Each structure stands twice: as structure tokens, then as C-alpha cells.
C-alpha atoms as a PDB file:
ATOM      1  CA  MET A   1      -0.015   0.065   0.011  1.00  0.00           C
ATOM      2  CA  ASN A   2       1.071   3.662  -0.721  1.00  0.00           C
ATOM      3  CA  VAL A   3      -0.288   6.874   0.576  1.00  0.00           C
ATOM      4  CA  SER A   4       0.404  10.196  -0.907  1.00  0.00           C
ATOM      5  CA  VAL A   5      -0.343  13.388   0.734  1.00  0.00           C
ATOM      6  CA  GLU A   6      -1.541  16.424  -1.090  1.00  0.00           C
ATOM      7  CA  GLU A   7      -1.990  19.672   1.034  1.00  0.00           C
ATOM      8  CA  ARG A   8      -4.644  21.807  -0.415  1.00  0.00           C
ATOM      9  CA  PRO A   9      -5.902  25.225   1.106  1.00  0.00           C
ATOM     10  CA  ASP A  10      -9.236  23.593   1.923  1.00  0.00           C
ATOM     11  CA  ALA A  11      -8.251  20.044   2.899  1.00  0.00           C
ATOM     12  CA  VAL A  12      -5.443  17.511   3.090  1.00  0.00           C
ATOM     13  CA  VAL A  13      -5.908  14.766   0.612  1.00  0.00           C
ATOM     14  CA  LEU A  14      -4.651  11.111   1.351  1.00  0.00           C
ATOM     15  CA  ALA A  15      -4.484   9.088  -1.793  1.00  0.00           C
ATOM     16  CA  VAL A  16      -4.421   5.486  -0.767  1.00  0.00           C
ATOM     17  CA  ARG A  17      -3.207   2.853  -3.438  1.00  0.00           C
ATOM     18  CA  GLY A  18      -3.335  -0.827  -2.869  1.00  0.00           C
ATOM     19  CA  ASN A  19      -4.709  -3.072  -0.078  1.00  0.00           C
ATOM     20  CA  LEU A  20      -5.804  -1.658   3.192  1.00  0.00           C
ATOM     21  CA  ASP A  21      -5.389  -4.310   5.687  1.00  0.00           C
ATOM     22  CA  LEU A  22      -3.678  -5.225   9.203  1.00  0.00           C
ATOM     23  CA  ASP A  23      -0.157  -4.928   7.651  1.00  0.00           C
ATOM     24  CA  SER A  24      -0.703  -1.644   5.683  1.00  0.00           C
ATOM     25  CA  ALA A  25      -3.116   0.232   8.124  1.00  0.00           C
ATOM     26  CA  PRO A  26      -0.358   1.517  10.384  1.00  0.00           C
ATOM     27  CA  SER A  27       1.004   3.552   7.216  1.00  0.00           C
ATOM     28  CA  LEU A  28      -2.345   5.225   6.766  1.00  0.00           C
ATOM     29  CA  ALA A  29      -2.682   5.802  10.546  1.00  0.00           C
ATOM     30  CA  GLY A  30       0.761   7.533  10.525  1.00  0.00           C
ATOM     31  CA  CYS A  31      -0.398   9.787   7.672  1.00  0.00           C
ATOM     32  CA  LEU A  32      -3.684  10.518   9.348  1.00  0.00           C
ATOM     33  CA  ASP A  33      -1.990  11.338  12.644  1.00  0.00           C
ATOM     34  CA  GLU A  34      -0.093  14.039  10.944  1.00  0.00           C
ATOM     35  CA  ALA A  35      -3.092  15.324   8.968  1.00  0.00           C
ATOM     36  CA  LEU A  36      -5.270  15.477  12.056  1.00  0.00           C
ATOM     37  CA  SER A  37      -2.710  17.223  14.336  1.00  0.00           C
ATOM     38  CA  ARG A  38      -3.620  20.565  12.651  1.00  0.00           C
ATOM     39  CA  PRO A  39      -6.369  22.798  14.257  1.00  0.00           C
ATOM     40  CA  GLU A  40      -9.803  22.145  12.800  1.00  0.00           C
ATOM     41  CA  PRO A  41      -8.485  19.383  10.456  1.00  0.00           C
ATOM     42  CA  ARG A  42     -10.166  18.601   7.205  1.00  0.00           C
ATOM     43  CA  VAL A  43      -8.936  15.376   5.664  1.00  0.00           C
ATOM     44  CA  VAL A  44     -10.192  13.549   2.511  1.00  0.00           C
ATOM     45  CA  VAL A  45      -9.148   9.853   2.025  1.00  0.00           C
ATOM     46  CA  ASP A  46      -9.082   9.089  -1.596  1.00  0.00           C
ATOM     47  CA  LEU A  47     -10.010   5.384  -2.000  1.00  0.00           C
ATOM     48  CA  SER A  48     -10.039   5.290  -5.783  1.00  0.00           C
ATOM     49  CA  GLY A  49      -6.956   3.149  -5.808  1.00  0.00           C
ATOM     50  CA  VAL A  50      -7.905   0.744  -2.964  1.00  0.00           C
ATOM     51  CA  ASP A  51      -8.760  -2.832  -4.133  1.00  0.00           C
ATOM     52  CA  PHE A  52      -9.397  -4.309  -0.689  1.00  0.00           C
ATOM     53  CA  CYS A  53     -10.074  -3.050   2.898  1.00  0.00           C
ATOM     54  CA  ASP A  54     -10.462  -5.170   5.976  1.00  0.00           C
ATOM     55  CA  SER A  55     -11.863  -4.213   9.542  1.00  0.00           C
ATOM     56  CA  ILE A  56      -8.486  -2.697  10.590  1.00  0.00           C
ATOM     57  CA  GLY A  57      -8.658  -0.374   7.841  1.00  0.00           C
ATOM     58  CA  LEU A  58     -12.421   0.468   8.524  1.00  0.00           C
ATOM     59  CA  SER A  59     -11.286   1.196  12.116  1.00  0.00           C
ATOM     60  CA  THR A  60      -8.500   3.502  10.962  1.00  0.00           C
ATOM     61  CA  PHE A  61     -11.254   5.667   9.201  1.00  0.00           C
ATOM     62  CA  VAL A  62     -13.503   5.652  12.379  1.00  0.00           C
ATOM     63  CA  THR A  63     -10.643   6.576  14.545  1.00  0.00           C
ATOM     64  CA  GLY A  64      -9.494   9.487  12.109  1.00  0.00           C
ATOM     65  CA  HIS A  65     -13.221  10.667  12.010  1.00  0.00           C
ATOM     66  CA  ASN A  66     -13.488  10.879  15.809  1.00  0.00           C
ATOM     67  CA  ARG A  67     -10.236  12.628  16.126  1.00  0.00           C
ATOM     68  CA  ALA A  68     -11.242  15.038  13.309  1.00  0.00           C
ATOM     69  CA  ARG A  69     -14.658  15.797  14.991  1.00  0.00           C
ATOM     70  CA  ALA A  70     -13.271  16.346  18.325  1.00  0.00           C
ATOM     71  CA  ALA A  71     -10.881  18.900  16.982  1.00  0.00           C
ATOM     72  CA  GLY A  72     -13.647  20.679  15.151  1.00  0.00           C
ATOM     73  CA  GLY A  73     -12.859  19.178  11.724  1.00  0.00           C
ATOM     74  CA  TRP A  74     -13.814  16.423   9.549  1.00  0.00           C
ATOM     75  CA  LEU A  75     -12.632  13.374   7.644  1.00  0.00           C
ATOM     76  CA  ARG A  76     -14.479  12.218   4.573  1.00  0.00           C
ATOM     77  CA  ILE A  77     -14.103   9.256   2.172  1.00  0.00           C
ATOM     78  CA  ALA A  78     -13.787   9.720  -1.525  1.00  0.00           C
ATOM     79  CA  ALA A  79     -14.057   7.603  -4.593  1.00  0.00           C
ATOM     80  CA  PRO A  80     -14.471   4.209  -3.192  1.00  0.00           C
ATOM     81  CA  SER A  81     -14.982   1.247  -5.288  1.00  0.00           C
ATOM     82  CA  GLU A  82     -18.386  -0.221  -5.617  1.00  0.00           C
ATOM     83  CA  PHE A  83     -17.117  -3.043  -3.351  1.00  0.00           C
ATOM     84  CA  LEU A  84     -15.790  -0.506  -0.751  1.00  0.00           C
ATOM     85  CA  GLU A  85     -18.989   1.421  -0.876  1.00  0.00           C
ATOM     86  CA  ARG A  86     -21.173  -1.477  -0.269  1.00  0.00           C
ATOM     87  CA  LEU A  87     -18.785  -2.442   2.651  1.00  0.00           C
ATOM     88  CA  LEU A  88     -19.184   0.976   4.083  1.00  0.00           C
ATOM     89  CA  ASN A  89     -22.919   1.029   3.728  1.00  0.00           C
ATOM     90  CA  THR A  90     -23.206  -2.566   5.222  1.00  0.00           C
ATOM     91  CA  VAL A  91     -21.395  -1.771   8.353  1.00  0.00           C
ATOM     92  CA  GLY A  92     -23.072   1.565   8.684  1.00  0.00           C
ATOM     93  CA  LEU A  93     -20.130   3.853   8.140  1.00  0.00           C
ATOM     94  CA  ALA A  94     -21.139   5.479   4.906  1.00  0.00           C
ATOM     95  CA  ASP A  95     -23.677   7.952   6.628  1.00  0.00           C
ATOM     96  CA  ARG A  96     -21.421   8.463   9.664  1.00  0.00           C
ATOM     97  CA  LEU A  97     -18.138   9.196   7.687  1.00  0.00           C
ATOM     98  CA  GLY A  98     -19.366  10.816   4.506  1.00  0.00           C
ATOM     99  CA  VAL A  99     -18.813   9.119   1.380  1.00  0.00           C
ATOM    100  CA  TYR A 100     -18.516  11.155  -1.836  1.00  0.00           C
ATOM    101  CA  PRO A 101     -18.070   9.933  -5.431  1.00  0.00           C
ATOM    102  CA  SER A 102     -14.866  12.048  -5.827  1.00  0.00           C
ATOM    103  CA  VAL A 103     -12.260  14.206  -4.017  1.00  0.00           C
ATOM    104  CA  ALA A 104     -13.664  17.461  -5.510  1.00  0.00           C
ATOM    105  CA  ASP A 105     -17.130  16.513  -4.316  1.00  0.00           C
ATOM    106  CA  ALA A 106     -15.860  15.710  -0.726  1.00  0.00           C
ATOM    107  CA  VAL A 107     -13.888  18.938  -0.550  1.00  0.00           C
ATOM    108  CA  ALA A 108     -16.798  21.071  -2.101  1.00  0.00           C
ATOM    109  CA  ASN A 109     -19.408  20.208   0.553  1.00  0.00           C
ATOM    110  CA  ARG A 110     -19.727  22.558   3.564  1.00  0.00           C
ATOM    111  CA  PRO A 111     -18.102  21.117   6.766  1.00  0.00           C
ATOM    112  CA  ASP A 112     -21.462  20.847   8.487  1.00  0.00           C
ATOM    113  CA  ASP A 113     -23.091  18.791   5.656  1.00  0.00           C
END
């Protein structure tokens, strides 16, 4: 798995590529830690390059979301595959986290949407 970080004026975008699982989730968690250390963090996790995500990957999103909200910001999921979108809906995380069809859509929505 590879995570690239793009700092934009309106959000930090973490583009994840590969499989997100027990072995790779710590890498994403480290990038999230850095992005969430800012005041009122706004983070978009771009999943367009993710083929697989297990429960450890999902818990990384939940932890990041909780930290962002506690700091007055948000964490949003962008461009998941059909499989990942179904998974997020099935486990009840799509509504909680906010899932958007693209990074642009995730960034464009007001923080309180």
C-alpha cells in the first residue's frame, strides 16, 4: 500500500493505493495522525486506488473521523470502489463518515453537511 499526501488550502487529501489491511493500516494511520494534528483538520481519504479493505482499515477511518470531529474538523471518504462503498454501507459507516463520489465533491461540501 502507498499513501500520498496532497496539502490543499481547503483540505489535506490522502490518496491511498493498494490493499488496506492489518499490515498496511499503520502506514495510513501515521499519515492521518499528521494530517489530524492541525487545528480544525479537514481530511479527505481518496480510496479510488484501493482494491481491498479489512476491518482494521475501517477502524482507521473511524478513529480518524472521531479525532477530526473532536478537533472541530472532519474526515471524509472519496471515490471508493463499488465493493468498498457497499462495505461502508453494510457496516453503517457511509452515513457517519460521509462518502463522496470524488475528491472534488468531498472538498466542495460545507463542513457541516
